[in-house]
Amino acid sequence: MDQFAYIDSSVVLRKLLPQIGAIPDLTQWRLFSSQLVDAEVRRTLLRYHAERVFTDETLARRLKEWTLFRNSIDLIPISEGIMQRAAEPFPTLIKTLDAIHLATAIGWTSQTREPVTMLTHDEKLGIAASACGFPVVP
């Protein structure tokens, strides 16, 4: 049986950049995320380039790495139902994009009835996910 995990952009970016504290092995899970993660990751990489943190070559390499990684995970479209759930209260306060991530994980879990682990380095999203019953790997 596959172990499913929802992955947010904080986890992806720690792997791509690379940064201290990245989750060392993501292969133990079947990963999925909101399609929102694509925009978040690409915007961050483009911002690094605009701020001259990345050269043209580094940006091209990181975008290619992201494309390969993105193609290995399941991206869930942002549906009207996800947006409706994201607009509703959660047990703790979270920002809008995090609410969309959490609503996606909740919707996917409700639909598939599969247990899901939440992978995030975002403390507030992790607290909200835990309060919603998800095991969280920071």
C-alpha atoms as a PDB file:
ATOM      1  CA  MET A   1       0.000   0.000   0.000  1.00  0.00           C
ATOM      2  CA  ASP A   2       1.244   3.486  -0.853  1.00  0.00           C
ATOM      3  CA  GLN A   3       1.803   6.020   1.878  1.00  0.00           C
ATOM      4  CA  PHE A   4       0.427   9.333   0.681  1.00  0.00           C
ATOM      5  CA  ALA A   5       1.828  12.710   1.621  1.00  0.00           C
ATOM      6  CA  TYR A   6       0.755  16.226   0.793  1.00  0.00           C
ATOM      7  CA  ILE A   7       3.752  18.422  -0.027  1.00  0.00           C
ATOM      8  CA  ASP A   8       3.735  22.211   0.096  1.00  0.00           C
ATOM      9  CA  SER A   9       6.095  24.706  -1.516  1.00  0.00           C
ATOM     10  CA  SER A  10       8.216  25.127   1.631  1.00  0.00           C
ATOM     11  CA  VAL A  11       9.348  21.506   1.328  1.00  0.00           C
ATOM     12  CA  VAL A  12       9.962  21.761  -2.410  1.00  0.00           C
ATOM     13  CA  LEU A  13      11.971  24.965  -2.084  1.00  0.00           C
ATOM     14  CA  ARG A  14      14.196  23.589   0.691  1.00  0.00           C
ATOM     15  CA  LYS A  15      15.048  20.714  -1.636  1.00  0.00           C
ATOM     16  CA  LEU A  16      15.598  22.853  -4.735  1.00  0.00           C
ATOM     17  CA  LEU A  17      17.614  25.648  -3.196  1.00  0.00           C
ATOM     18  CA  PRO A  18      19.020  23.514  -1.122  1.00  0.00           C
ATOM     19  CA  GLN A  19      18.517  24.674   2.427  1.00  0.00           C
ATOM     20  CA  ILE A  20      19.262  23.317   5.877  1.00  0.00           C
ATOM     21  CA  GLY A  21      16.495  21.211   7.336  1.00  0.00           C
ATOM     22  CA  ALA A  22      15.180  19.751   4.098  1.00  0.00           C
ATOM     23  CA  ILE A  23      13.366  16.449   4.497  1.00  0.00           C
ATOM     24  CA  PRO A  24      16.113  14.048   3.373  1.00  0.00           C
ATOM     25  CA  ASP A  25      14.051  11.327   1.693  1.00  0.00           C
ATOM     26  CA  LEU A  26      10.767  12.064  -0.036  1.00  0.00           C
ATOM     27  CA  THR A  27      10.678   8.715  -1.858  1.00  0.00           C
ATOM     28  CA  GLN A  28       8.917   6.981   1.031  1.00  0.00           C
ATOM     29  CA  TRP A  29       5.660   8.700   0.076  1.00  0.00           C
ATOM     30  CA  ARG A  30       3.430   9.034  -2.938  1.00  0.00           C
ATOM     31  CA  LEU A  31       3.376  12.816  -3.149  1.00  0.00           C
ATOM     32  CA  PHE A  32       0.553  15.117  -4.138  1.00  0.00           C
ATOM     33  CA  SER A  33      -0.126  18.825  -3.881  1.00  0.00           C
ATOM     34  CA  SER A  34      -2.370  21.597  -5.064  1.00  0.00           C
ATOM     35  CA  GLN A  35      -1.567  22.978  -8.490  1.00  0.00           C
ATOM     36  CA  LEU A  36      -0.919  26.140  -6.481  1.00  0.00           C
ATOM     37  CA  VAL A  37       2.521  24.726  -5.630  1.00  0.00           C
ATOM     38  CA  ASP A  38       3.664  25.204  -9.231  1.00  0.00           C
ATOM     39  CA  ALA A  39       2.986  28.948  -9.162  1.00  0.00           C
ATOM     40  CA  GLU A  40       4.536  29.341  -5.705  1.00  0.00           C
ATOM     41  CA  VAL A  41       7.751  27.539  -6.620  1.00  0.00           C
ATOM     42  CA  ARG A  42       8.157  29.201 -10.007  1.00  0.00           C
ATOM     43  CA  ARG A  43       7.463  32.682  -8.566  1.00  0.00           C
ATOM     44  CA  THR A  44      10.113  32.143  -5.883  1.00  0.00           C
ATOM     45  CA  LEU A  45      12.697  30.969  -8.412  1.00  0.00           C
ATOM     46  CA  LEU A  46      11.922  33.934 -10.680  1.00  0.00           C
ATOM     47  CA  ARG A  47      12.167  36.310  -7.729  1.00  0.00           C
ATOM     48  CA  TYR A  48      15.620  34.926  -6.845  1.00  0.00           C
ATOM     49  CA  HIS A  49      16.671  35.596 -10.434  1.00  0.00           C
ATOM     50  CA  ALA A  50      15.236  39.130 -10.437  1.00  0.00           C
ATOM     51  CA  GLU A  51      17.053  39.851  -7.156  1.00  0.00           C
ATOM     52  CA  ARG A  52      20.254  38.538  -8.747  1.00  0.00           C
ATOM     53  CA  VAL A  53      20.554  35.671  -6.283  1.00  0.00           C
ATOM     54  CA  PHE A  54      20.439  33.358  -9.312  1.00  0.00           C
ATOM     55  CA  THR A  55      22.313  33.733 -12.572  1.00  0.00           C
ATOM     56  CA  ASP A  56      20.520  32.914 -15.811  1.00  0.00           C
ATOM     57  CA  GLU A  57      22.155  29.477 -15.762  1.00  0.00           C
ATOM     58  CA  THR A  58      21.141  28.795 -12.155  1.00  0.00           C
ATOM     59  CA  LEU A  59      17.555  29.817 -12.861  1.00  0.00           C
ATOM     60  CA  ALA A  60      17.412  27.543 -15.910  1.00  0.00           C
ATOM     61  CA  ARG A  61      18.833  24.625 -13.902  1.00  0.00           C
ATOM     62  CA  ARG A  62      16.450  25.127 -10.964  1.00  0.00           C
ATOM     63  CA  LEU A  63      13.426  25.446 -13.273  1.00  0.00           C
ATOM     64  CA  LYS A  64      14.427  22.199 -14.989  1.00  0.00           C
ATOM     65  CA  GLU A  65      14.836  20.479 -11.604  1.00  0.00           C
ATOM     66  CA  TRP A  66      11.428  21.760 -10.547  1.00  0.00           C
ATOM     67  CA  THR A  67       9.800  20.549 -13.770  1.00  0.00           C
ATOM     68  CA  LEU A  68      11.237  17.057 -13.259  1.00  0.00           C
ATOM     69  CA  PHE A  69      10.116  16.998  -9.635  1.00  0.00           C
ATOM     70  CA  ARG A  70       6.681  18.458 -10.451  1.00  0.00           C
ATOM     71  CA  ASN A  71       6.141  15.725 -13.030  1.00  0.00           C
ATOM     72  CA  SER A  72       6.749  13.094 -10.341  1.00  0.00           C
ATOM     73  CA  ILE A  73       3.943  14.290  -8.068  1.00  0.00           C
ATOM     74  CA  ASP A  74       0.174  14.394  -8.477  1.00  0.00           C
ATOM     75  CA  LEU A  75      -1.127  17.960  -8.809  1.00  0.00           C
ATOM     76  CA  ILE A  76      -4.723  18.512  -7.756  1.00  0.00           C
ATOM     77  CA  PRO A  77      -6.665  21.230  -9.621  1.00  0.00           C
ATOM     78  CA  ILE A  78      -8.076  24.047  -7.510  1.00  0.00           C
ATOM     79  CA  SER A  79     -11.798  23.346  -7.708  1.00  0.00           C
ATOM     80  CA  GLU A  80     -14.747  25.409  -6.546  1.00  0.00           C
ATOM     81  CA  GLY A  81     -15.141  22.986  -3.619  1.00  0.00           C
ATOM     82  CA  ILE A  82     -11.542  23.527  -2.545  1.00  0.00           C
ATOM     83  CA  MET A  83     -12.009  27.293  -2.724  1.00  0.00           C
ATOM     84  CA  GLN A  84     -15.216  27.072  -0.694  1.00  0.00           C
ATOM     85  CA  ARG A  85     -13.502  24.968   1.994  1.00  0.00           C
ATOM     86  CA  ALA A  86     -10.483  27.307   2.039  1.00  0.00           C
ATOM     87  CA  ALA A  87     -12.836  30.223   2.778  1.00  0.00           C
ATOM     88  CA  GLU A  88     -14.300  28.446   5.816  1.00  0.00           C
ATOM     89  CA  PRO A  89     -12.779  28.526   9.310  1.00  0.00           C
ATOM     90  CA  PHE A  90      -9.976  26.192  10.354  1.00  0.00           C
ATOM     91  CA  PRO A  91      -9.072  25.271  13.944  1.00  0.00           C
ATOM     92  CA  THR A  92      -6.210  27.798  13.842  1.00  0.00           C
ATOM     93  CA  LEU A  93      -5.529  30.952  11.847  1.00  0.00           C
ATOM     94  CA  ILE A  94      -3.733  30.464   8.534  1.00  0.00           C
ATOM     95  CA  LYS A  95      -3.117  32.605   5.485  1.00  0.00           C
ATOM     96  CA  THR A  96      -5.093  32.245   2.266  1.00  0.00           C
ATOM     97  CA  LEU A  97      -2.594  30.181   0.254  1.00  0.00           C
ATOM     98  CA  ASP A  98      -2.064  27.835   3.205  1.00  0.00           C
ATOM     99  CA  ALA A  99      -5.843  27.483   3.499  1.00  0.00           C
ATOM    100  CA  ILE A 100      -5.956  26.398  -0.149  1.00  0.00           C
ATOM    101  CA  HIS A 101      -3.216  23.825   0.514  1.00  0.00           C
ATOM    102  CA  LEU A 102      -4.998  22.490   3.599  1.00  0.00           C
ATOM    103  CA  ALA A 103      -8.391  22.462   1.865  1.00  0.00           C
ATOM    104  CA  THR A 104      -6.832  20.471  -0.990  1.00  0.00           C
ATOM    105  CA  ALA A 105      -5.434  17.878   1.425  1.00  0.00           C
ATOM    106  CA  ILE A 106      -8.755  17.664   3.284  1.00  0.00           C
ATOM    107  CA  GLY A 107     -10.722  17.262   0.054  1.00  0.00           C
ATOM    108  CA  TRP A 108      -8.368  14.628  -1.313  1.00  0.00           C
ATOM    109  CA  THR A 109      -8.498  12.663   1.944  1.00  0.00           C
ATOM    110  CA  SER A 110     -12.293  12.838   2.051  1.00  0.00           C
ATOM    111  CA  GLN A 111     -12.523  11.641  -1.530  1.00  0.00           C
ATOM    112  CA  THR A 112     -10.000   8.787  -1.361  1.00  0.00           C
ATOM    113  CA  ARG A 113     -10.387   7.764   2.300  1.00  0.00           C
ATOM    114  CA  GLU A 114      -6.591   7.269   2.371  1.00  0.00           C
ATOM    115  CA  PRO A 115      -4.466   8.430   5.311  1.00  0.00           C
ATOM    116  CA  VAL A 116      -2.254  11.383   4.420  1.00  0.00           C
ATOM    117  CA  THR A 117       0.833  12.868   6.042  1.00  0.00           C
ATOM    118  CA  MET A 118       1.336  16.618   5.675  1.00  0.00           C
ATOM    119  CA  LEU A 119       4.874  17.650   4.689  1.00  0.00           C
ATOM    120  CA  THR A 120       5.517  21.309   5.473  1.00  0.00           C
ATOM    121  CA  HIS A 121       8.177  23.541   6.975  1.00  0.00           C
ATOM    122  CA  ASP A 122       5.550  26.244   7.521  1.00  0.00           C
ATOM    123  CA  GLU A 123       4.872  26.248  11.255  1.00  0.00           C
ATOM    124  CA  LYS A 124       1.359  27.734  11.089  1.00  0.00           C
ATOM    125  CA  LEU A 125       0.264  25.395   8.307  1.00  0.00           C
ATOM    126  CA  GLY A 126       1.698  22.462  10.268  1.00  0.00           C
ATOM    127  CA  ILE A 127      -0.242  23.453  13.394  1.00  0.00           C
ATOM    128  CA  ALA A 128      -3.475  23.842  11.409  1.00  0.00           C
ATOM    129  CA  ALA A 129      -2.924  20.519   9.624  1.00  0.00           C
ATOM    130  CA  SER A 130      -2.251  18.774  12.921  1.00  0.00           C
ATOM    131  CA  ALA A 131      -5.407  20.323  14.397  1.00  0.00           C
ATOM    132  CA  CYS A 132      -7.309  18.873  11.403  1.00  0.00           C
ATOM    133  CA  GLY A 133      -5.984  15.406  12.217  1.00  0.00           C
ATOM    134  CA  PHE A 134      -3.061  15.094   9.807  1.00  0.00           C
ATOM    135  CA  PRO A 135       0.273  13.719  10.981  1.00  0.00           C
ATOM    136  CA  VAL A 136       2.835  16.418  10.138  1.00  0.00           C
ATOM    137  CA  VAL A 137       6.481  16.032   9.134  1.00  0.00           C
ATOM    138  CA  PRO A 138       8.273  19.373   9.483  1.00  0.00           C
END
